[in-house]
Structures are given as C-alpha cells and as structure tokens.
PDB file of N, CA and C in Angstrom:
ATOM      1  N   MET A   1       0.832  -1.432  -0.064  1.00  0.00           N
ATOM      2  CA  MET A   1       0.001  -0.090   0.188  1.00  0.00           C
ATOM      3  C   MET A   1       0.757   1.245  -0.357  1.00  0.00           C
ATOM      4  N   GLY A   2       0.396   2.416  -0.743  1.00  0.00           N
ATOM      5  CA  GLY A   2       1.563   3.301  -1.074  1.00  0.00           C
ATOM      6  C   GLY A   2       1.061   4.600  -0.049  1.00  0.00           C
ATOM      7  N   THR A   3       2.124   5.718  -0.134  1.00  0.00           N
ATOM      8  CA  THR A   3       1.159   6.392   0.932  1.00  0.00           C
ATOM      9  C   THR A   3       0.873   7.645  -0.273  1.00  0.00           C
ATOM     10  N   ARG A   4       0.004   8.293   0.624  1.00  0.00           N
ATOM     11  CA  ARG A   4      -0.660   9.628  -0.095  1.00  0.00           C
ATOM     12  C   ARG A   4      -0.092  10.748   0.311  1.00  0.00           C
ATOM     13  N   SER A   5       0.512  11.938  -0.684  1.00  0.00           N
ATOM     14  CA  SER A   5       0.671  12.984  -0.500  1.00  0.00           C
ATOM     15  C   SER A   5      -0.484  13.618   0.381  1.00  0.00           C
ATOM     16  N   LEU A   6      -0.096  14.777   1.450  1.00  0.00           N
ATOM     17  CA  LEU A   6      -0.887  15.136   2.260  1.00  0.00           C
ATOM     18  C   LEU A   6      -1.031  16.727   1.467  1.00  0.00           C
ATOM     19  N   ARG A   7      -0.453  17.006   0.683  1.00  0.00           N
ATOM     20  CA  ARG A   7      -0.178  18.155  -0.191  1.00  0.00           C
ATOM     21  C   ARG A   7      -0.997  18.357  -1.144  1.00  0.00           C
ATOM     22  N   THR A   8      -1.878  19.179  -1.112  1.00  0.00           N
ATOM     23  CA  THR A   8      -3.217  19.644  -2.091  1.00  0.00           C
ATOM     24  C   THR A   8      -2.439  20.667  -3.142  1.00  0.00           C
ATOM     25  N   LYS A   9      -2.968  20.600  -4.364  1.00  0.00           N
ATOM     26  CA  LYS A   9      -2.726  21.685  -5.294  1.00  0.00           C
ATOM     27  C   LYS A   9      -3.367  23.027  -4.796  1.00  0.00           C
ATOM     28  N   SER A  10      -2.765  23.949  -5.046  1.00  0.00           N
ATOM     29  CA  SER A  10      -3.388  25.128  -4.617  1.00  0.00           C
ATOM     30  C   SER A  10      -3.146  26.436  -5.999  1.00  0.00           C
ATOM     31  N   TYR A  11      -4.138  27.074  -5.829  1.00  0.00           N
ATOM     32  CA  TYR A  11      -4.151  28.273  -7.080  1.00  0.00           C
ATOM     33  C   TYR A  11      -4.197  29.551  -6.419  1.00  0.00           C
ATOM     34  N   ASP A  12      -3.273  30.404  -7.112  1.00  0.00           N
ATOM     35  CA  ASP A  12      -3.346  32.137  -6.539  1.00  0.00           C
ATOM     36  C   ASP A  12      -4.061  33.144  -8.102  1.00  0.00           C
ATOM     37  N   VAL A  13      -4.616  33.616  -7.600  1.00  0.00           N
ATOM     38  CA  VAL A  13      -5.041  34.825  -8.604  1.00  0.00           C
ATOM     39  C   VAL A  13      -4.279  35.936  -8.242  1.00  0.00           C
ATOM     40  N   TYR A  14      -3.639  36.500  -8.969  1.00  0.00           N
ATOM     41  CA  TYR A  14      -2.730  37.712  -8.984  1.00  0.00           C
ATOM     42  C   TYR A  14      -2.696  38.669 -10.045  1.00  0.00           C
ATOM     43  N   GLY A  15      -2.463  39.973  -9.867  1.00  0.00           N
ATOM     44  CA  GLY A  15      -2.626  41.146 -10.728  1.00  0.00           C
ATOM     45  C   GLY A  15      -1.055  41.941 -10.994  1.00  0.00           C
ATOM     46  N   ILE A  16      -1.112  42.339 -11.918  1.00  0.00           N
ATOM     47  CA  ILE A  16       0.229  43.200 -12.420  1.00  0.00           C
ATOM     48  C   ILE A  16      -0.363  44.648 -12.684  1.00  0.00           C
ATOM     49  N   LEU A  17       0.389  45.517 -11.613  1.00  0.00           N
ATOM     50  CA  LEU A  17      -0.041  46.819 -11.784  1.00  0.00           C
ATOM     51  C   LEU A  17       1.132  47.566 -12.624  1.00  0.00           C
ATOM     52  N   PHE A  18       0.645  48.500 -13.273  1.00  0.00           N
ATOM     53  CA  PHE A  18       1.433  49.608 -14.466  1.00  0.00           C
ATOM     54  C   PHE A  18       0.932  50.884 -13.899  1.00  0.00           C
ATOM     55  N   ASN A  19       1.438  51.956 -13.458  1.00  0.00           N
ATOM     56  CA  ASN A  19       1.043  53.036 -13.009  1.00  0.00           C
ATOM     57  C   ASN A  19      -0.259  53.528 -11.772  1.00  0.00           C
ATOM     58  N   GLY A  20      -0.185  52.090 -11.260  1.00  0.00           N
ATOM     59  CA  GLY A  20      -0.880  51.786  -9.882  1.00  0.00           C
ATOM     60  C   GLY A  20      -1.947  51.526 -10.347  1.00  0.00           C
ATOM     61  N   GLU A  21      -2.506  50.922 -11.421  1.00  0.00           N
ATOM     62  CA  GLU A  21      -3.595  50.431 -12.018  1.00  0.00           C
ATOM     63  C   GLU A  21      -3.582  48.935 -12.311  1.00  0.00           C
ATOM     64  N   ILE A  22      -4.462  48.023 -11.770  1.00  0.00           N
ATOM     65  CA  ILE A  22      -4.358  46.425 -12.551  1.00  0.00           C
ATOM     66  C   ILE A  22      -4.538  46.543 -13.846  1.00  0.00           C
ATOM     67  N   LYS A  23      -3.453  46.032 -14.595  1.00  0.00           N
ATOM     68  CA  LYS A  23      -3.375  45.747 -16.326  1.00  0.00           C
ATOM     69  C   LYS A  23      -3.685  44.410 -16.582  1.00  0.00           C
ATOM     70  N   TYR A  24      -3.242  43.478 -15.686  1.00  0.00           N
ATOM     71  CA  TYR A  24      -3.394  42.012 -16.151  1.00  0.00           C
ATOM     72  C   TYR A  24      -3.580  41.265 -14.932  1.00  0.00           C
ATOM     73  N   ILE A  25      -4.531  40.363 -14.948  1.00  0.00           N
ATOM     74  CA  ILE A  25      -5.155  39.585 -13.724  1.00  0.00           C
ATOM     75  C   ILE A  25      -4.866  37.740 -14.496  1.00  0.00           C
ATOM     76  N   GLY A  26      -4.459  37.044 -13.460  1.00  0.00           N
ATOM     77  CA  GLY A  26      -3.947  35.768 -13.968  1.00  0.00           C
ATOM     78  C   GLY A  26      -4.244  34.638 -12.583  1.00  0.00           C
ATOM     79  N   VAL A  27      -4.189  33.632 -13.230  1.00  0.00           N
ATOM     80  CA  VAL A  27      -4.296  32.416 -12.237  1.00  0.00           C
ATOM     81  C   VAL A  27      -3.066  31.421 -12.301  1.00  0.00           C
ATOM     82  N   THR A  28      -2.582  31.124 -11.143  1.00  0.00           N
ATOM     83  CA  THR A  28      -1.620  30.259 -11.330  1.00  0.00           C
ATOM     84  C   THR A  28      -1.263  28.890 -10.386  1.00  0.00           C
ATOM     85  N   SER A  29      -0.708  27.868 -10.625  1.00  0.00           N
ATOM     86  CA  SER A  29      -0.449  27.216  -9.624  1.00  0.00           C
ATOM     87  C   SER A  29       0.786  26.965  -9.101  1.00  0.00           C
ATOM     88  N   GLN A  30       1.687  27.791  -9.936  1.00  0.00           N
ATOM     89  CA  GLN A  30       3.076  28.005  -9.496  1.00  0.00           C
ATOM     90  C   GLN A  30       2.883  29.200  -8.305  1.00  0.00           C
ATOM     91  N   THR A  31       4.208  29.489  -8.043  1.00  0.00           N
ATOM     92  CA  THR A  31       4.107  30.444  -7.055  1.00  0.00           C
ATOM     93  C   THR A  31       3.863  32.033  -7.621  1.00  0.00           C
ATOM     94  N   VAL A  32       3.531  33.046  -7.468  1.00  0.00           N
ATOM     95  CA  VAL A  32       3.321  34.465  -8.024  1.00  0.00           C
ATOM     96  C   VAL A  32       4.580  34.931  -8.461  1.00  0.00           C
ATOM     97  N   SER A  33       5.378  34.885  -7.896  1.00  0.00           N
ATOM     98  CA  SER A  33       6.874  34.848  -8.014  1.00  0.00           C
ATOM     99  C   SER A  33       7.368  34.589  -9.418  1.00  0.00           C
ATOM    100  N   TYR A  34       7.253  33.283  -9.379  1.00  0.00           N
ATOM    101  CA  TYR A  34       7.830  32.570 -10.504  1.00  0.00           C
ATOM    102  C   TYR A  34       6.986  32.834 -11.776  1.00  0.00           C
ATOM    103  N   ARG A  35       5.635  32.521 -11.500  1.00  0.00           N
ATOM    104  CA  ARG A  35       4.878  33.124 -12.712  1.00  0.00           C
ATOM    105  C   ARG A  35       5.194  34.582 -13.144  1.00  0.00           C
ATOM    106  N   TRP A  36       5.811  35.735 -12.553  1.00  0.00           N
ATOM    107  CA  TRP A  36       5.946  36.822 -12.751  1.00  0.00           C
ATOM    108  C   TRP A  36       7.165  36.621 -13.686  1.00  0.00           C
ATOM    109  N   TYR A  37       8.510  35.837 -12.860  1.00  0.00           N
ATOM    110  CA  TYR A  37       9.442  35.633 -13.946  1.00  0.00           C
ATOM    111  C   TYR A  37       9.148  34.974 -15.146  1.00  0.00           C
ATOM    112  N   GLN A  38       8.106  34.088 -15.403  1.00  0.00           N
ATOM    113  CA  GLN A  38       7.812  33.401 -16.762  1.00  0.00           C
ATOM    114  C   GLN A  38       7.078  34.759 -17.466  1.00  0.00           C
ATOM    115  N   HIS A  39       6.431  35.328 -17.173  1.00  0.00           N
ATOM    116  CA  HIS A  39       5.827  36.701 -17.875  1.00  0.00           C
ATOM    117  C   HIS A  39       7.241  37.405 -18.367  1.00  0.00           C
ATOM    118  N   CYS A  40       8.060  37.879 -17.741  1.00  0.00           N
ATOM    119  CA  CYS A  40       9.359  38.536 -17.858  1.00  0.00           C
ATOM    120  C   CYS A  40       9.943  38.011 -19.093  1.00  0.00           C
ATOM    121  N   ARG A  41      10.166  36.678 -19.421  1.00  0.00           N
ATOM    122  CA  ARG A  41      10.992  36.053 -20.035  1.00  0.00           C
ATOM    123  C   ARG A  41      10.582  35.907 -21.640  1.00  0.00           C
ATOM    124  N   SER A  42      11.323  36.387 -22.966  1.00  0.00           N
ATOM    125  CA  SER A  42      11.277  36.687 -24.111  1.00  0.00           C
ATOM    126  C   SER A  42      10.271  35.683 -24.809  1.00  0.00           C
ATOM    127  N   SER A  43      10.088  34.374 -24.430  1.00  0.00           N
ATOM    128  CA  SER A  43       9.392  33.364 -24.842  1.00  0.00           C
ATOM    129  C   SER A  43       7.784  33.229 -23.910  1.00  0.00           C
ATOM    130  N   SER A  44       7.504  34.366 -23.423  1.00  0.00           N
ATOM    131  CA  SER A  44       6.277  34.407 -22.557  1.00  0.00           C
ATOM    132  C   SER A  44       5.164  34.353 -23.891  1.00  0.00           C
ATOM    133  N   LYS A  45       4.068  33.803 -23.432  1.00  0.00           N
ATOM    134  CA  LYS A  45       2.672  33.639 -24.553  1.00  0.00           C
ATOM    135  C   LYS A  45       1.947  34.554 -23.902  1.00  0.00           C
ATOM    136  N   THR A  46       1.866  35.523 -23.214  1.00  0.00           N
ATOM    137  CA  THR A  46       1.202  36.724 -23.335  1.00  0.00           C
ATOM    138  C   THR A  46       1.822  38.035 -23.684  1.00  0.00           C
ATOM    139  N   ALA A  47       1.921  37.999 -25.316  1.00  0.00           N
ATOM    140  CA  ALA A  47       2.616  38.888 -26.074  1.00  0.00           C
ATOM    141  C   ALA A  47       2.473  40.205 -25.474  1.00  0.00           C
ATOM    142  N   ALA A  48       1.416  40.947 -25.461  1.00  0.00           N
ATOM    143  CA  ALA A  48       1.183  42.391 -24.782  1.00  0.00           C
ATOM    144  C   ALA A  48       1.980  42.682 -23.406  1.00  0.00           C
ATOM    145  N   LEU A  49       1.855  41.741 -22.890  1.00  0.00           N
ATOM    146  CA  LEU A  49       2.231  41.933 -21.615  1.00  0.00           C
ATOM    147  C   LEU A  49       3.860  41.822 -21.856  1.00  0.00           C
ATOM    148  N   ARG A  50       4.445  41.012 -22.348  1.00  0.00           N
ATOM    149  CA  ARG A  50       5.614  40.932 -22.445  1.00  0.00           C
ATOM    150  C   ARG A  50       6.287  41.982 -23.319  1.00  0.00           C
ATOM    151  N   GLU A  51       5.594  42.763 -24.193  1.00  0.00           N
ATOM    152  CA  GLU A  51       5.745  43.601 -24.995  1.00  0.00           C
ATOM    153  C   GLU A  51       6.320  45.028 -24.098  1.00  0.00           C
ATOM    154  N   ALA A  52       5.186  45.107 -22.982  1.00  0.00           N
ATOM    155  CA  ALA A  52       5.262  46.005 -22.079  1.00  0.00           C
ATOM    156  C   ALA A  52       6.278  46.096 -21.263  1.00  0.00           C
ATOM    157  N   ILE A  53       6.650  44.856 -20.886  1.00  0.00           N
ATOM    158  CA  ILE A  53       7.478  44.857 -20.116  1.00  0.00           C
ATOM    159  C   ILE A  53       8.979  45.213 -20.460  1.00  0.00           C
ATOM    160  N   LYS A  54       8.897  44.621 -21.964  1.00  0.00           N
ATOM    161  CA  LYS A  54      10.347  45.136 -22.513  1.00  0.00           C
ATOM    162  C   LYS A  54      10.611  46.500 -22.789  1.00  0.00           C
ATOM    163  N   GLN A  55       9.125  47.296 -23.317  1.00  0.00           N
ATOM    164  CA  GLN A  55       9.534  48.640 -23.529  1.00  0.00           C
ATOM    165  C   GLN A  55       9.254  49.368 -22.047  1.00  0.00           C
ATOM    166  N   TYR A  56       9.065  49.017 -21.426  1.00  0.00           N
ATOM    167  CA  TYR A  56       9.002  49.510 -19.770  1.00  0.00           C
ATOM    168  C   TYR A  56       9.941  49.631 -18.919  1.00  0.00           C
ATOM    169  N   GLY A  57      10.543  47.978 -18.814  1.00  0.00           N
ATOM    170  CA  GLY A  57      11.138  47.486 -17.902  1.00  0.00           C
ATOM    171  C   GLY A  57      10.653  47.185 -16.699  1.00  0.00           C
ATOM    172  N   ARG A  58      11.130  46.036 -16.381  1.00  0.00           N
ATOM    173  CA  ARG A  58      10.279  44.934 -14.920  1.00  0.00           C
ATOM    174  C   ARG A  58       9.911  46.077 -13.742  1.00  0.00           C
ATOM    175  N   GLU A  59      10.827  46.916 -13.443  1.00  0.00           N
ATOM    176  CA  GLU A  59      10.726  47.942 -12.569  1.00  0.00           C
ATOM    177  C   GLU A  59       9.863  49.029 -12.531  1.00  0.00           C
ATOM    178  N   ALA A  60       8.859  49.188 -13.636  1.00  0.00           N
ATOM    179  CA  ALA A  60       7.586  49.909 -13.677  1.00  0.00           C
ATOM    180  C   ALA A  60       6.730  48.985 -13.451  1.00  0.00           C
ATOM    181  N   PHE A  61       6.367  47.850 -13.182  1.00  0.00           N
ATOM    182  CA  PHE A  61       5.372  47.092 -12.789  1.00  0.00           C
ATOM    183  C   PHE A  61       5.581  46.616 -11.444  1.00  0.00           C
ATOM    184  N   SER A  62       4.457  45.975 -10.818  1.00  0.00           N
ATOM    185  CA  SER A  62       3.994  45.756  -9.412  1.00  0.00           C
ATOM    186  C   SER A  62       3.196  44.571  -9.441  1.00  0.00           C
ATOM    187  N   VAL A  63       3.900  43.469  -8.751  1.00  0.00           N
ATOM    188  CA  VAL A  63       2.621  42.146  -8.647  1.00  0.00           C
ATOM    189  C   VAL A  63       2.227  41.914  -7.457  1.00  0.00           C
ATOM    190  N   ILE A  64       0.754  42.064  -7.276  1.00  0.00           N
ATOM    191  CA  ILE A  64       0.050  41.509  -6.047  1.00  0.00           C
ATOM    192  C   ILE A  64      -0.755  40.442  -6.080  1.00  0.00           C
ATOM    193  N   HIS A  65      -1.020  39.747  -4.999  1.00  0.00           N
ATOM    194  CA  HIS A  65      -1.443  38.440  -4.780  1.00  0.00           C
ATOM    195  C   HIS A  65      -3.029  38.858  -4.395  1.00  0.00           C
ATOM    196  N   LEU A  66      -4.064  38.169  -4.992  1.00  0.00           N
ATOM    197  CA  LEU A  66      -5.237  38.793  -4.710  1.00  0.00           C
ATOM    198  C   LEU A  66      -6.324  37.998  -4.379  1.00  0.00           C
ATOM    199  N   ALA A  67      -6.140  36.274  -4.313  1.00  0.00           N
ATOM    200  CA  ALA A  67      -6.845  35.526  -3.698  1.00  0.00           C
ATOM    201  C   ALA A  67      -6.131  34.267  -3.860  1.00  0.00           C
ATOM    202  N   CYS A  68      -6.640  33.247  -3.181  1.00  0.00           N
ATOM    203  CA  CYS A  68      -5.876  32.005  -3.592  1.00  0.00           C
ATOM    204  C   CYS A  68      -6.929  30.857  -2.915  1.00  0.00           C
ATOM    205  N   GLY A  69      -7.197  29.641  -3.420  1.00  0.00           N
ATOM    206  CA  GLY A  69      -7.916  28.632  -3.187  1.00  0.00           C
ATOM    207  C   GLY A  69      -7.781  27.212  -3.919  1.00  0.00           C
ATOM    208  N   PHE A  70      -8.472  26.041  -3.481  1.00  0.00           N
ATOM    209  CA  PHE A  70      -8.092  25.012  -4.238  1.00  0.00           C
ATOM    210  C   PHE A  70      -8.735  24.421  -5.270  1.00  0.00           C
ATOM    211  N   SER A  71      -9.510  25.413  -5.427  1.00  0.00           N
ATOM    212  CA  SER A  71     -10.558  25.194  -6.734  1.00  0.00           C
ATOM    213  C   SER A  71      -9.895  25.811  -8.008  1.00  0.00           C
ATOM    214  N   ARG A  72      -9.306  25.368  -9.271  1.00  0.00           N
ATOM    215  CA  ARG A  72      -9.210  26.021 -10.393  1.00  0.00           C
ATOM    216  C   ARG A  72     -10.305  26.554 -10.674  1.00  0.00           C
ATOM    217  N   SER A  73     -11.297  26.220 -10.759  1.00  0.00           N
ATOM    218  CA  SER A  73     -12.645  26.585 -11.225  1.00  0.00           C
ATOM    219  C   SER A  73     -13.153  27.898 -10.650  1.00  0.00           C
ATOM    220  N   ASP A  74     -12.832  27.870  -9.188  1.00  0.00           N
ATOM    221  CA  ASP A  74     -13.055  29.227  -8.270  1.00  0.00           C
ATOM    222  C   ASP A  74     -12.174  30.229  -8.746  1.00  0.00           C
ATOM    223  N   MET A  75     -10.863  29.835  -8.647  1.00  0.00           N
ATOM    224  CA  MET A  75     -10.279  30.913  -9.088  1.00  0.00           C
ATOM    225  C   MET A  75     -10.097  31.706 -10.318  1.00  0.00           C
ATOM    226  N   MET A  76     -10.658  30.673 -11.438  1.00  0.00           N
ATOM    227  CA  MET A  76     -10.770  31.235 -12.693  1.00  0.00           C
ATOM    228  C   MET A  76     -12.010  32.375 -12.624  1.00  0.00           C
ATOM    229  N   HIS A  77     -12.752  32.061 -11.659  1.00  0.00           N
ATOM    230  CA  HIS A  77     -14.056  32.706 -11.508  1.00  0.00           C
ATOM    231  C   HIS A  77     -13.961  33.881 -11.209  1.00  0.00           C
ATOM    232  N   ILE A  78     -12.856  34.349 -10.227  1.00  0.00           N
ATOM    233  CA  ILE A  78     -12.594  35.536  -9.647  1.00  0.00           C
ATOM    234  C   ILE A  78     -11.845  36.243 -10.584  1.00  0.00           C
ATOM    235  N   GLU A  79     -11.070  35.821 -11.208  1.00  0.00           N
ATOM    236  CA  GLU A  79     -10.142  36.131 -12.337  1.00  0.00           C
ATOM    237  C   GLU A  79     -11.038  36.825 -13.228  1.00  0.00           C
ATOM    238  N   ARG A  80     -12.100  36.257 -13.692  1.00  0.00           N
ATOM    239  CA  ARG A  80     -13.021  36.907 -14.819  1.00  0.00           C
ATOM    240  C   ARG A  80     -13.868  38.183 -14.473  1.00  0.00           C
ATOM    241  N   VAL A  81     -14.398  38.229 -12.825  1.00  0.00           N
ATOM    242  CA  VAL A  81     -15.168  38.801 -12.260  1.00  0.00           C
ATOM    243  C   VAL A  81     -14.348  40.098 -11.768  1.00  0.00           C
ATOM    244  N   LEU A  82     -12.773  39.990 -11.657  1.00  0.00           N
ATOM    245  CA  LEU A  82     -12.068  40.866 -11.391  1.00  0.00           C
ATOM    246  C   LEU A  82     -11.480  42.021 -12.269  1.00  0.00           C
TER     247      LEU A  82
END
C-alpha cells in the first residue's frame, strides 16, 4: 500500500500593476513570483504584457496577490469578475 501525499494543489489569483492600476489578472498553480519571472521571459505567451515589460522595464510593474484557493474553477471565476 503506497502513501498518499497530504499536499493539495492550490491556485493563486494575481494582478500586475502599471502606474498603480491593475493591467493584467492571472491564475497560477505556481508561485506568483515564478509566474512573474515567466511573464518577463522573451518566450512568454502573453505577448502584449511581454512587450510592455520590454518597453517600460520590469521596475515599472508591481505584482500583487489577490486570492488563493484549492479549486481552479473558483479561481478562474474570480479572475473573470475582477
């Protein structure tokens, strides 16, 4: 009989601010800081955000944590209503 991990996957809703306004809201199962790192990479799939980071520099943006939970569908709903 194997052991089951007690660790449960969780999701975070985060916002990326530019000039004090939230310009992007996302959901991740990774850490928010790692997801920000991915957005800053040249291979990021979020083209408009990637180009804005390239144009204005990482320092012009702030990342904030908005919500967390264990249901991806709940977090996706929060992302849509925000």
